[in-house]
Amino acid sequence: MFPRYVDYDGKPFYAERGWLIGDGQIGGKAKGIAFAQSAVAEAEMSCEVSFPHTTFVITTEVFDEFMRRNVLEPIVRGSEDFSQIEKAFEEAPLPENVRSALAGILQRIDSPVAVRSSSILEDDIALAFAGKYETRFFGNRGNLEYRLRRLERAVKLVYASTFNPTAKAYRRKHGIKLASEKMAVIIQPVVGRCRGNLYYPELAGAAFSKVFRRPTPRVRKEDGVLRLCFGLGTRVVGRSFARTFFLSHPGIRPEGNSMADILSHAQDEFDYVDLEHGFLLGMDANKAISHIMKHHKNAASFLELAYDDSFHWILSEVRHLAYAKAVFTFSDFHRRFPCFFDQLRRVLSLFEETMRLPVDIELTYETEGEQMNIVQLRPLATYEEFGRVEIPRDIPRERILLRGSGMVSNGVLERVSHIVCVDPSAYLRSDPHLVARAVGAANEALKGGYILVGPGRWGSVNPALGVPVRYGEISNCNCLVEVGFSNSGMAPELSYGTHFFLDLDADGVLYLPVLEGKEANVYNREWFSESPYEEGQHPAVRIYHGNFSVLLDGENDVGVVIVNEP
């Protein structure tokens, strides 16, 4: 029997409410939102869970007409320069009836607006396409004509993102032809509140109904996991800082409990829509302390100040504020708001039971009034865990190149011919974006697969935390290793809820975190420094040829990368 979600048609949901523009398809993201609202209504849980008050959908028919009228197909197929494609889309006019419809939408939404992709391939059961297409925010301030131009531009940039390099690489890897893809667009108010001149939800998160990588066997797979941040959820879905909660044991910190561990993984900036200028911006938590204390009466449950070798949440305890660091630790959140975790488990259970599939949702939460809003629902990206893996105890130490513990799932990869490694010392002395492009060049050359090793977080939005590669630049790797080096400021993180890890799971890529210097962890510096290698397009990128294997034992939470005997 196919899951109910497969046969669900969300189009009538939008048509009945007058939220539909065009007669084409609504796409996967719009389908998920409609399914979620219908499921909550049927379960009579509307008093517990809210949704954006309107969600307009521009169907794929408008996309097709826009492409045809403006003769954009030759540009899309003939140009490898995505900036030229974006420019052509921006300059192309939308149909006049669509412009009128957009003006009508702006007369019904007076808050900041999110314009989001909803392609027909997005949020599929097998492939999520998460983060491959554009989402645009704008403040929705000024006269109607100005706001309309901003909205038109956002829609056209979402259309253009159908052809961006990351989406093209993702389709190519999975054998999907461009003709199979069509783009619908969602327009909805940003869920949040005005706080001075800033607009944002207090908290935002992404939650999975199942958790496959666990820091301890005590964590139950069936209870799921949450990634939570302060402010807009852009820091949840990107490889930035956020707090991970395992719903069966929300007090567990996968990064560790020491002050250094918490600081190295804690969110210290947040995103918001600036109402004065109408743009998405970020702010350092230190600069926002007075704002947060003024507008968030429950700030003590998620904000702390690191000062004098300890954490404080009462400002008067900190004598020299200039020497303190404000971070969102969420240390007391699970104790102050246990109702939130109970509510989230009920919501995930409802969606999983109704969809007949594991699910992943994006949400916002306001501690004042304990209000939860669902902004997205999709099937959890396909993940198949190997059966029990046993690592031989007699592997000679010199053959162990990498050994890690923590957040390891079961997995095996044998007879891999290449390791691509970013040398940590060379990386710190280099332009990180040039290193990322060189990794992409190695990825293009090694289409048969390889093991990828590097410092900190692959795909980080902050180059100081790890190599800022894009999906297409590591799309052929079979195992991704993140190495944390002491005193480097770069540490691995299993960023559940991010688009990055959705891709790993959907593509069956193995993951191993290694913390040099931590007990039972190994980074074989001697092998990496003395073994012959081919230099990539940047000196920091090294390509090793040989015979390698990856063994991940999820039951004992340990994994190794070894060089096989000749």
Protein backbone atom coordinates (compact mmCIF):
# COMPACT_ATOMS: atom_id res chain seq x y z
CA MET A 1 0.00 0.00 0.00
CA PHE A 2 1.31 3.45 -0.85
CA PRO A 3 1.46 5.95 1.98
CA ARG A 4 -1.45 8.33 2.17
CA TYR A 5 0.84 11.25 1.38
CA VAL A 6 1.67 9.86 -2.07
CA ASP A 7 -1.97 10.04 -3.18
CA TYR A 8 -2.72 13.35 -1.47
CA ASP A 9 -3.63 16.28 -3.73
CA GLY A 10 -3.27 19.56 -1.90
CA LYS A 11 -4.48 21.74 -4.75
CA PRO A 12 -8.14 21.95 -3.61
CA PHE A 13 -6.92 23.14 -0.19
CA TYR A 14 -5.53 26.33 -1.75
CA ALA A 15 -8.25 26.73 -4.39
CA GLU A 16 -11.05 26.68 -1.79
CA ARG A 17 -9.37 29.51 0.14
CA GLY A 18 -8.59 31.66 -2.89
CA TRP A 19 -4.86 31.16 -2.40
CA LEU A 20 -4.11 29.64 -5.81
CA ILE A 21 -2.65 31.45 -8.84
CA GLY A 22 -2.68 29.41 -12.04
CA ASP A 23 -3.97 25.96 -13.01
CA GLY A 24 -0.74 23.94 -12.90
CA GLN A 25 0.86 21.83 -10.17
CA ILE A 26 1.55 23.19 -6.68
CA GLY A 27 4.83 21.37 -5.98
CA GLY A 28 6.03 19.28 -3.06
CA LYS A 29 6.48 21.98 -0.43
CA ALA A 30 2.98 23.39 -0.93
CA LYS A 31 1.58 19.86 -0.85
CA GLY A 32 3.28 19.22 2.51
CA ILE A 33 1.89 22.40 4.08
CA ALA A 34 -1.65 21.57 2.95
CA PHE A 35 -1.30 17.99 4.19
CA ALA A 36 -0.11 19.21 7.59
CA GLN A 37 -3.00 21.63 8.04
CA SER A 38 -5.52 18.98 7.00
CA ALA A 39 -4.02 16.42 9.39
CA VAL A 40 -4.08 18.84 12.33
CA ALA A 41 -7.70 19.82 11.60
CA GLU A 42 -8.82 16.18 11.34
CA ALA A 43 -7.08 15.35 14.63
CA GLU A 44 -8.73 18.39 16.28
CA MET A 45 -5.31 19.72 17.34
CA SER A 46 -5.76 23.22 15.97
CA CYS A 47 -5.72 24.61 19.50
CA GLU A 48 -2.18 23.24 19.93
CA VAL A 49 -0.62 24.03 16.57
CA SER A 50 -0.86 27.05 14.28
CA PHE A 51 0.16 27.77 10.69
CA PRO A 52 0.89 30.95 8.69
CA HIS A 53 -2.50 32.66 8.31
CA THR A 54 -2.23 32.60 4.51
CA THR A 55 -0.10 30.60 2.08
CA PHE A 56 -0.46 31.61 -1.57
CA VAL A 57 0.79 29.30 -4.31
CA ILE A 58 1.80 30.30 -7.85
CA THR A 59 1.49 27.07 -9.82
CA THR A 60 3.89 25.60 -12.37
CA GLU A 61 1.64 26.83 -15.19
CA VAL A 62 2.83 30.40 -14.51
CA PHE A 63 6.46 29.22 -14.54
CA ASP A 64 5.93 27.58 -17.94
CA GLU A 65 4.26 30.71 -19.33
CA PHE A 66 7.00 32.95 -17.96
CA MET A 67 9.68 30.78 -19.60
CA ARG A 68 7.83 30.62 -22.91
CA ARG A 69 6.87 34.31 -23.22
CA ASN A 70 10.39 35.49 -22.43
CA VAL A 71 12.17 32.83 -24.53
CA LEU A 72 14.35 31.83 -21.57
CA GLU A 73 14.91 28.20 -22.57
CA PRO A 74 17.89 28.98 -24.88
CA ILE A 75 19.54 31.06 -22.13
CA VAL A 76 19.10 28.29 -19.57
CA ARG A 77 20.53 25.62 -21.85
CA GLY A 78 23.24 27.76 -23.43
CA SER A 79 24.80 29.49 -20.41
CA GLU A 80 27.04 27.97 -17.75
CA ASP A 81 27.23 31.32 -15.96
CA PHE A 82 24.41 31.33 -13.42
CA SER A 83 24.72 35.11 -12.88
CA GLN A 84 23.71 35.60 -16.53
CA ILE A 85 20.70 33.35 -16.03
CA GLU A 86 19.64 35.30 -12.93
CA LYS A 87 20.05 38.60 -14.77
CA ALA A 88 17.90 37.37 -17.69
CA PHE A 89 15.17 36.21 -15.30
CA GLU A 90 15.20 39.48 -13.35
CA GLU A 91 14.80 41.51 -16.55
CA ALA A 92 11.99 39.33 -17.92
CA PRO A 93 8.45 40.60 -17.09
CA LEU A 94 5.85 38.46 -15.37
CA PRO A 95 2.44 38.14 -17.07
CA GLU A 96 0.23 41.13 -16.27
CA ASN A 97 -2.47 39.00 -14.64
CA VAL A 98 0.17 37.55 -12.28
CA ARG A 99 1.38 41.06 -11.37
CA SER A 100 -2.21 41.97 -10.48
CA ALA A 101 -2.52 38.84 -8.35
CA LEU A 102 0.73 39.69 -6.53
CA ALA A 103 -0.54 43.20 -5.82
CA GLY A 104 -3.68 41.63 -4.33
CA ILE A 105 -1.54 39.38 -2.10
CA LEU A 106 0.37 42.39 -0.75
CA GLN A 107 -2.91 44.04 0.18
CA ARG A 108 -3.69 40.99 2.36
CA ILE A 109 -0.26 40.59 4.01
CA ASP A 110 1.08 43.45 6.13
CA SER A 111 4.02 41.62 7.73
CA PRO A 112 7.40 40.57 6.24
CA VAL A 113 7.06 38.03 3.44
CA ALA A 114 8.82 34.77 2.61
CA VAL A 115 8.92 33.68 -1.04
CA ARG A 116 9.81 30.00 -1.23
CA SER A 117 10.36 27.39 -3.89
CA SER A 118 7.90 24.50 -4.28
CA SER A 119 9.11 22.50 -7.24
CA ILE A 120 7.38 19.29 -8.29
CA LEU A 121 10.48 17.31 -7.23
CA GLU A 122 10.90 18.94 -3.82
CA ASP A 123 10.04 17.09 -0.62
CA ASP A 124 9.71 13.81 -2.46
CA ILE A 125 9.76 10.54 -0.52
CA ALA A 126 13.14 9.55 -1.98
CA LEU A 127 14.79 12.94 -2.61
CA ALA A 128 14.05 16.09 -0.64
CA PHE A 129 15.89 18.65 -2.83
CA ALA A 130 16.24 20.50 0.48
CA GLY A 131 18.06 23.80 0.14
CA LYS A 132 18.68 23.41 -3.57
CA TYR A 133 16.36 26.24 -4.56
CA GLU A 134 15.92 29.79 -3.40
CA THR A 135 14.02 31.29 -0.47
CA ARG A 136 13.77 35.08 -0.35
CA PHE A 137 12.69 37.31 2.55
CA PHE A 138 11.73 40.96 2.38
CA GLY A 139 10.34 43.41 4.90
CA ASN A 140 7.20 44.38 2.95
CA ARG A 141 7.56 48.07 3.81
CA GLY A 142 7.05 51.14 1.60
CA ASN A 143 4.40 52.01 -0.98
CA LEU A 144 2.59 49.30 -2.92
CA GLU A 145 4.56 49.77 -6.14
CA TYR A 146 7.89 49.38 -4.36
CA ARG A 147 6.69 46.32 -2.46
CA LEU A 148 5.34 44.83 -5.70
CA ARG A 149 8.72 45.24 -7.41
CA ARG A 150 10.43 43.52 -4.49
CA LEU A 151 7.93 40.66 -4.59
CA GLU A 152 8.21 40.25 -8.37
CA ARG A 153 11.99 40.13 -8.12
CA ALA A 154 11.81 37.49 -5.39
CA VAL A 155 9.50 35.29 -7.48
CA LYS A 156 11.77 35.56 -10.52
CA LEU A 157 14.87 34.71 -8.47
CA VAL A 158 13.12 31.60 -7.15
CA TYR A 159 12.34 30.67 -10.76
CA ALA A 160 15.99 31.23 -11.75
CA SER A 161 17.19 29.00 -8.89
CA THR A 162 15.72 26.02 -10.79
CA PHE A 163 18.89 26.24 -12.88
CA ASN A 164 21.52 27.04 -10.25
CA PRO A 165 24.71 24.92 -10.10
CA THR A 166 23.75 23.11 -6.89
CA ALA A 167 20.36 22.01 -8.25
CA LYS A 168 21.94 20.95 -11.55
CA ALA A 169 24.56 18.86 -9.72
CA TYR A 170 21.88 17.23 -7.55
CA ARG A 171 19.74 16.32 -10.54
CA ARG A 172 22.75 15.04 -12.45
CA LYS A 173 23.85 12.81 -9.57
CA HIS A 174 20.41 11.23 -9.33
CA GLY A 175 19.86 10.90 -13.07
CA ILE A 176 17.01 13.42 -13.24
CA LYS A 177 16.49 15.27 -16.50
CA LEU A 178 15.80 19.00 -16.42
CA ALA A 179 12.54 18.47 -18.31
CA SER A 180 11.22 16.54 -15.27
CA GLU A 181 11.40 19.65 -13.08
CA LYS A 182 8.88 22.53 -12.84
CA MET A 183 8.81 25.33 -10.30
CA ALA A 184 5.84 26.51 -8.25
CA VAL A 185 6.25 29.32 -5.71
CA ILE A 186 4.89 29.79 -2.19
CA ILE A 187 4.23 33.28 -0.79
CA GLN A 188 3.47 33.47 2.92
CA PRO A 189 3.90 35.88 5.83
CA VAL A 190 7.05 35.27 7.86
CA VAL A 191 5.95 33.76 11.17
CA GLY A 192 7.17 35.99 13.97
CA ARG A 193 6.54 39.15 15.96
CA CYS A 194 7.62 42.80 15.83
CA ARG A 195 10.19 43.54 18.51
CA GLY A 196 11.20 47.14 18.09
CA ASN A 197 12.39 47.48 14.49
CA LEU A 198 13.22 43.77 14.30
CA TYR A 199 10.85 41.05 13.14
CA TYR A 200 11.49 37.37 13.88
CA PRO A 201 10.11 34.35 15.73
CA GLU A 202 11.55 33.89 19.19
CA LEU A 203 12.66 30.33 18.42
CA ALA A 204 12.78 28.29 15.23
CA GLY A 205 13.58 24.65 14.68
CA ALA A 206 13.66 21.58 12.49
CA ALA A 207 12.52 18.27 13.97
CA PHE A 208 12.78 14.66 12.77
CA SER A 209 10.40 11.94 13.92
CA LYS A 210 13.28 9.41 13.81
CA VAL A 211 16.92 9.74 14.84
CA PHE A 212 19.48 7.42 13.26
CA ARG A 213 22.72 8.84 14.68
CA ARG A 214 22.72 8.80 18.47
CA PRO A 215 25.29 9.92 21.05
CA THR A 216 24.26 7.08 23.38
CA PRO A 217 22.04 3.95 23.13
CA ARG A 218 19.81 5.57 25.76
CA VAL A 219 18.47 7.87 23.05
CA ARG A 220 15.48 6.18 21.41
CA LYS A 221 15.34 6.27 17.63
CA GLU A 222 11.56 6.43 17.66
CA ASP A 223 11.36 9.68 19.65
CA GLY A 224 13.22 11.85 17.18
CA VAL A 225 15.50 14.84 17.39
CA LEU A 226 15.20 18.65 17.26
CA ARG A 227 17.60 21.38 16.12
CA LEU A 228 16.64 24.74 17.66
CA CYS A 229 17.86 28.32 17.33
CA PHE A 230 16.92 31.82 18.44
CA GLY A 231 15.46 34.03 15.68
CA LEU A 232 14.72 33.07 12.10
CA GLY A 233 15.29 29.43 11.23
CA THR A 234 17.99 30.20 8.66
CA ARG A 235 20.57 29.10 11.24
CA VAL A 236 18.82 25.77 11.72
CA VAL A 237 18.79 24.60 8.11
CA GLY A 238 22.27 25.96 7.29
CA ARG A 239 25.49 24.62 8.81
CA SER A 240 25.63 27.28 11.48
CA PHE A 241 25.25 27.14 15.26
CA ALA A 242 22.08 25.72 16.83
CA ARG A 243 21.18 23.50 19.80
CA THR A 244 20.43 19.80 19.26
CA PHE A 245 17.83 18.16 21.52
CA PHE A 246 17.14 14.41 21.47
CA LEU A 247 13.46 14.22 22.32
CA SER A 248 13.72 11.11 24.50
CA HIS A 249 16.55 12.72 26.53
CA PRO A 250 16.51 16.51 25.95
CA GLY A 251 19.14 17.11 28.64
CA ILE A 252 21.88 15.33 26.67
CA ARG A 253 24.38 17.53 24.85
CA PRO A 254 26.02 15.60 21.99
CA GLU A 255 28.89 18.12 21.91
CA GLY A 256 29.76 17.55 25.60
CA ASN A 257 29.06 19.37 28.86
CA SER A 258 32.25 21.32 29.48
CA MET A 259 32.19 25.07 29.07
CA ALA A 260 34.62 24.82 26.14
CA ASP A 261 32.43 22.22 24.40
CA ILE A 262 29.28 24.29 24.85
CA LEU A 263 30.92 27.51 23.67
CA SER A 264 32.37 25.83 20.56
CA HIS A 265 28.86 24.74 19.47
CA ALA A 266 26.63 27.54 20.80
CA GLN A 267 24.74 30.00 18.60
CA ASP A 268 26.13 33.52 19.10
CA GLU A 269 24.30 35.40 16.31
CA PHE A 270 20.68 35.47 15.18
CA ASP A 271 18.81 36.45 12.01
CA TYR A 272 15.85 38.79 11.65
CA VAL A 273 14.04 41.00 9.15
CA ASP A 274 14.96 44.66 9.60
CA LEU A 275 11.66 46.55 9.41
CA GLU A 276 13.29 49.92 8.77
CA HIS A 277 15.20 48.83 5.67
CA GLY A 278 13.27 45.68 4.78
CA PHE A 279 16.18 43.24 4.57
CA LEU A 280 17.21 39.98 6.19
CA LEU A 281 20.09 40.74 8.57
CA GLY A 282 22.05 39.12 11.38
CA MET A 283 23.14 40.45 14.77
CA ASP A 284 25.74 39.40 17.32
CA ALA A 285 24.14 38.29 20.58
CA ASN A 286 26.51 40.51 22.60
CA LYS A 287 25.18 43.60 20.83
CA ALA A 288 21.58 42.46 21.35
CA ILE A 289 21.66 41.71 25.09
CA SER A 290 19.57 44.71 26.13
CA HIS A 291 17.14 44.13 23.25
CA ILE A 292 16.71 40.47 24.18
CA MET A 293 16.24 41.18 27.89
CA LYS A 294 13.63 43.83 27.03
CA HIS A 295 11.58 41.78 24.55
CA HIS A 296 11.95 38.20 25.86
CA LYS A 297 10.87 37.67 29.45
CA ASN A 298 11.91 33.99 29.27
CA ALA A 299 15.40 34.76 27.92
CA ALA A 300 17.00 33.03 30.90
CA SER A 301 15.88 29.68 29.50
CA PHE A 302 18.03 30.02 26.37
CA LEU A 303 20.52 32.92 26.76
CA GLU A 304 23.60 32.88 29.00
CA LEU A 305 26.75 34.93 29.39
CA ALA A 306 30.10 33.17 29.48
CA TYR A 307 32.24 35.03 32.01
CA ASP A 308 35.00 34.14 34.44
CA ASP A 309 35.03 30.39 33.60
CA SER A 310 31.29 29.91 34.13
CA PHE A 311 27.89 30.72 32.64
CA HIS A 312 25.56 33.38 34.05
CA TRP A 313 22.08 34.42 33.05
CA ILE A 314 21.70 37.30 35.50
CA LEU A 315 23.45 40.39 34.14
CA SER A 316 24.20 41.71 37.62
CA GLU A 317 26.43 38.68 38.24
CA VAL A 318 28.77 39.86 35.47
CA ARG A 319 31.03 42.64 36.69
CA HIS A 320 32.75 43.42 33.39
CA LEU A 321 30.21 43.00 30.61
CA ALA A 322 32.83 43.88 27.98
CA TYR A 323 34.64 40.62 28.81
CA ALA A 324 31.53 38.44 28.69
CA LYS A 325 30.27 36.50 25.68
CA ALA A 326 26.53 36.13 25.15
CA VAL A 327 25.50 32.77 23.68
CA PHE A 328 22.25 30.89 23.19
CA THR A 329 22.96 27.73 25.19
CA PHE A 330 19.31 26.68 25.83
CA SER A 331 20.64 25.19 29.08
CA ASP A 332 17.42 25.58 31.02
CA PHE A 333 14.93 25.40 28.15
CA HIS A 334 13.99 21.71 28.48
CA ARG A 335 13.33 22.17 32.22
CA ARG A 336 11.39 25.43 31.89
CA PHE A 337 9.30 24.27 28.92
CA PRO A 338 8.78 20.49 29.14
CA CYS A 339 5.33 21.11 27.61
CA PHE A 340 7.05 22.12 24.36
CA PHE A 341 8.76 18.73 24.05
CA ASP A 342 5.55 16.86 24.89
CA GLN A 343 3.69 18.89 22.28
CA LEU A 344 6.39 18.33 19.66
CA ARG A 345 6.34 14.57 20.20
CA ARG A 346 2.56 14.55 19.74
CA VAL A 347 2.82 16.59 16.54
CA LEU A 348 5.54 14.38 15.06
CA SER A 349 3.59 11.27 15.98
CA LEU A 350 0.45 12.65 14.33
CA PHE A 351 2.24 13.50 11.08
CA GLU A 352 4.14 10.22 10.95
CA GLU A 353 0.97 8.21 11.58
CA THR A 354 -1.05 10.22 9.06
CA MET A 355 1.63 10.29 6.36
CA ARG A 356 2.62 6.67 7.09
CA LEU A 357 6.24 7.72 6.78
CA PRO A 358 8.90 9.20 9.07
CA VAL A 359 8.65 12.98 8.79
CA ASP A 360 10.65 16.14 9.21
CA ILE A 361 9.08 19.50 10.05
CA GLU A 362 10.14 23.12 10.37
CA LEU A 363 8.52 25.13 13.15
CA THR A 364 8.61 28.28 15.23
CA TYR A 365 7.84 28.70 18.93
CA GLU A 366 6.99 31.61 21.20
CA THR A 367 7.60 30.92 24.88
CA GLU A 368 5.13 33.65 25.88
CA GLY A 369 1.82 31.96 25.19
CA GLU A 370 3.62 28.70 24.31
CA GLN A 371 2.60 29.00 20.66
CA MET A 372 3.91 26.51 18.08
CA ASN A 373 3.67 27.22 14.36
CA ILE A 374 4.38 24.66 11.64
CA VAL A 375 5.89 26.16 8.47
CA GLN A 376 6.87 23.00 6.60
CA LEU A 377 6.22 19.24 6.56
CA ARG A 378 7.93 16.69 4.35
CA PRO A 379 8.78 12.98 4.35
CA LEU A 380 12.05 12.30 6.12
CA ALA A 381 14.80 11.77 3.54
CA THR A 382 15.32 8.07 2.83
CA TYR A 383 17.88 6.54 5.16
CA GLU A 384 18.76 2.87 5.30
CA GLU A 385 21.07 1.80 8.09
CA PHE A 386 23.36 -1.19 7.64
CA GLY A 387 23.04 -4.22 9.89
CA ARG A 388 25.39 -4.66 12.84
CA VAL A 389 29.02 -3.89 11.94
CA GLU A 390 31.90 -5.31 13.96
CA ILE A 391 35.30 -3.66 13.79
CA PRO A 392 38.15 -6.19 14.17
CA ARG A 393 40.14 -5.59 17.34
CA ASP A 394 43.44 -6.67 15.84
CA ILE A 395 43.84 -3.96 13.19
CA PRO A 396 47.45 -2.70 13.50
CA ARG A 397 47.56 0.88 14.74
CA GLU A 398 49.58 2.07 11.74
CA ARG A 399 46.73 1.00 9.42
CA ILE A 400 44.17 3.12 11.28
CA LEU A 401 44.07 6.50 9.56
CA LEU A 402 41.07 7.90 11.41
CA ARG A 403 39.08 6.74 14.40
CA GLY A 404 36.10 8.57 15.85
CA SER A 405 33.38 8.12 18.41
CA GLY A 406 30.04 9.82 18.89
CA MET A 407 27.05 10.12 16.55
CA VAL A 408 28.13 7.09 14.51
CA SER A 409 25.61 4.94 12.63
CA ASN A 410 26.21 1.45 11.21
CA GLY A 411 27.91 1.50 7.82
CA VAL A 412 30.52 -0.21 5.65
CA LEU A 413 32.50 1.05 2.68
CA GLU A 414 35.15 -1.20 1.19
CA ARG A 415 37.90 -0.92 -1.43
CA VAL A 416 37.77 2.84 -1.87
CA SER A 417 40.59 3.98 -4.13
CA HIS A 418 40.99 7.63 -3.06
CA ILE A 419 41.03 9.90 -0.04
CA VAL A 420 40.69 13.64 -0.59
CA CYS A 421 42.06 15.47 2.45
CA VAL A 422 42.24 19.18 3.24
CA ASP A 423 45.39 19.75 5.27
CA PRO A 424 44.33 21.74 8.36
CA SER A 425 47.49 23.84 8.66
CA ALA A 426 47.47 24.82 5.00
CA TYR A 427 43.74 25.59 5.15
CA LEU A 428 44.21 28.08 7.99
CA ARG A 429 46.78 29.97 5.89
CA SER A 430 44.65 29.98 2.73
CA ASP A 431 41.64 31.61 1.14
CA PRO A 432 38.93 29.13 2.24
CA HIS A 433 36.83 29.68 -0.88
CA LEU A 434 39.76 28.80 -3.16
CA VAL A 435 40.23 25.61 -1.14
CA ALA A 436 36.52 24.82 -1.53
CA ARG A 437 36.72 25.28 -5.31
CA ALA A 438 39.77 22.96 -5.42
CA VAL A 439 37.79 20.31 -3.51
CA GLY A 440 35.10 20.71 -6.15
CA ALA A 441 37.65 20.09 -8.90
CA ALA A 442 38.81 16.88 -7.17
CA ASN A 443 35.18 15.84 -6.75
CA GLU A 444 34.57 16.28 -10.48
CA ALA A 445 37.60 14.11 -11.29
CA LEU A 446 36.66 11.30 -8.86
CA LYS A 447 33.18 10.38 -10.05
CA GLY A 448 33.70 6.80 -8.89
CA GLY A 449 33.61 7.92 -5.27
CA TYR A 450 36.11 8.74 -2.51
CA ILE A 451 36.54 9.45 1.21
CA LEU A 452 36.55 13.17 2.07
CA VAL A 453 38.51 14.37 5.13
CA GLY A 454 38.80 17.93 6.38
CA PRO A 455 38.92 20.25 9.39
CA GLY A 456 35.70 21.25 11.13
CA ARG A 457 32.33 21.35 9.40
CA TRP A 458 32.07 20.61 5.71
CA GLY A 459 29.69 23.06 4.03
CA SER A 460 29.89 25.60 6.84
CA VAL A 461 28.50 29.06 6.12
CA ASN A 462 31.38 30.40 8.23
CA PRO A 463 34.81 29.51 6.74
CA ALA A 464 36.36 29.77 10.21
CA LEU A 465 34.36 26.69 11.20
CA GLY A 466 35.09 24.52 8.15
CA VAL A 467 35.51 24.39 4.37
CA PRO A 468 32.61 26.31 2.72
CA VAL A 469 31.91 23.80 -0.06
CA ARG A 470 28.61 23.65 -1.92
CA TYR A 471 26.69 20.42 -2.51
CA GLY A 472 27.91 20.02 -6.08
CA GLU A 473 31.53 20.22 -4.90
CA ILE A 474 31.31 17.07 -2.77
CA SER A 475 28.47 15.26 -4.56
CA ASN A 476 30.57 12.21 -5.46
CA CYS A 477 32.00 11.45 -2.01
CA ASN A 478 30.97 8.21 -0.30
CA CYS A 479 32.13 8.99 3.23
CA LEU A 480 32.53 12.40 4.83
CA VAL A 481 34.93 12.81 7.77
CA GLU A 482 34.99 15.95 9.91
CA VAL A 483 38.10 16.35 12.09
CA GLY A 484 38.23 18.66 15.08
CA PHE A 485 41.68 19.97 16.02
CA SER A 486 42.45 21.41 19.43
CA ASN A 487 42.94 25.19 19.50
CA SER A 488 41.73 25.56 15.90
CA GLY A 489 38.17 26.62 16.71
CA MET A 490 36.96 24.06 14.17
CA ALA A 491 34.92 21.15 15.47
CA PRO A 492 32.67 18.59 13.78
CA GLU A 493 28.94 18.80 14.37
CA LEU A 494 26.11 16.52 13.38
CA SER A 495 23.79 19.28 12.22
CA TYR A 496 20.49 17.41 12.28
CA GLY A 497 17.81 19.41 10.50
CA THR A 498 20.23 21.09 8.10
CA HIS A 499 19.86 20.70 4.36
CA PHE A 500 23.44 19.45 4.37
CA PHE A 501 22.67 16.34 6.41
CA LEU A 502 19.42 15.67 4.60
CA ASP A 503 21.57 15.30 1.50
CA LEU A 504 23.96 12.89 3.24
CA ASP A 505 21.10 10.69 4.37
CA ALA A 506 19.29 10.74 1.04
CA ASP A 507 22.50 9.95 -0.85
CA GLY A 508 23.63 7.20 1.54
CA VAL A 509 26.86 9.02 2.43
CA LEU A 510 28.59 7.72 5.57
CA TYR A 511 29.61 10.23 8.24
CA LEU A 512 32.41 10.06 10.81
CA PRO A 513 33.37 12.81 13.30
CA VAL A 514 36.91 12.69 14.73
CA LEU A 515 38.19 14.82 17.64
CA GLU A 516 41.96 14.77 17.74
CA GLY A 517 43.19 14.41 21.29
CA LYS A 518 39.94 12.96 22.60
CA GLU A 519 40.15 9.51 24.12
CA ALA A 520 39.81 6.68 21.56
CA ASN A 521 39.96 9.18 18.64
CA VAL A 522 42.75 9.00 16.07
CA TYR A 523 44.01 11.34 13.38
CA ASN A 524 47.10 9.61 11.96
CA ARG A 525 49.23 12.68 11.29
CA GLU A 526 52.28 10.59 10.41
CA TRP A 527 50.45 8.74 7.62
CA PHE A 528 48.88 11.90 6.17
CA SER A 529 52.20 13.79 6.23
CA GLU A 530 54.50 11.02 4.98
CA SER A 531 52.36 9.08 2.49
CA PRO A 532 52.67 10.11 -1.17
CA TYR A 533 49.84 12.23 -2.52
CA GLU A 534 48.82 14.21 -5.56
CA GLU A 535 48.37 17.92 -4.96
CA GLY A 536 44.98 19.25 -6.00
CA GLN A 537 44.30 22.58 -7.64
CA HIS A 538 45.18 24.20 -4.30
CA PRO A 539 48.16 23.20 -2.09
CA ALA A 540 45.82 22.57 0.85
CA VAL A 541 44.03 19.80 -1.06
CA ARG A 542 45.76 16.41 -1.07
CA ILE A 543 44.59 13.36 -3.03
CA TYR A 544 45.81 9.97 -1.76
CA HIS A 545 45.58 6.85 -3.93
CA GLY A 546 45.37 3.40 -2.34
CA ASN A 547 42.97 0.81 -0.96
CA PHE A 548 40.87 2.08 1.94
CA SER A 549 37.85 0.92 3.96
CA VAL A 550 35.37 2.56 6.31
CA LEU A 551 33.81 0.57 9.18
CA LEU A 552 31.16 2.23 11.36
CA ASP A 553 29.82 0.40 14.42
CA GLY A 554 26.70 2.27 15.50
CA GLU A 555 26.01 -0.07 18.41
CA ASN A 556 29.33 0.77 20.10
CA ASP A 557 29.42 4.29 18.64
CA VAL A 558 32.82 4.01 17.00
CA GLY A 559 34.09 4.21 13.43
CA VAL A 560 37.41 3.82 11.61
CA VAL A 561 38.96 4.57 8.25
CA ILE A 562 41.75 2.10 7.53
CA VAL A 563 44.29 1.44 4.81
CA ASN A 564 43.96 -2.16 3.67
CA GLU A 565 46.86 -4.56 3.43
CA PRO A 566 48.32 -4.96 -0.08
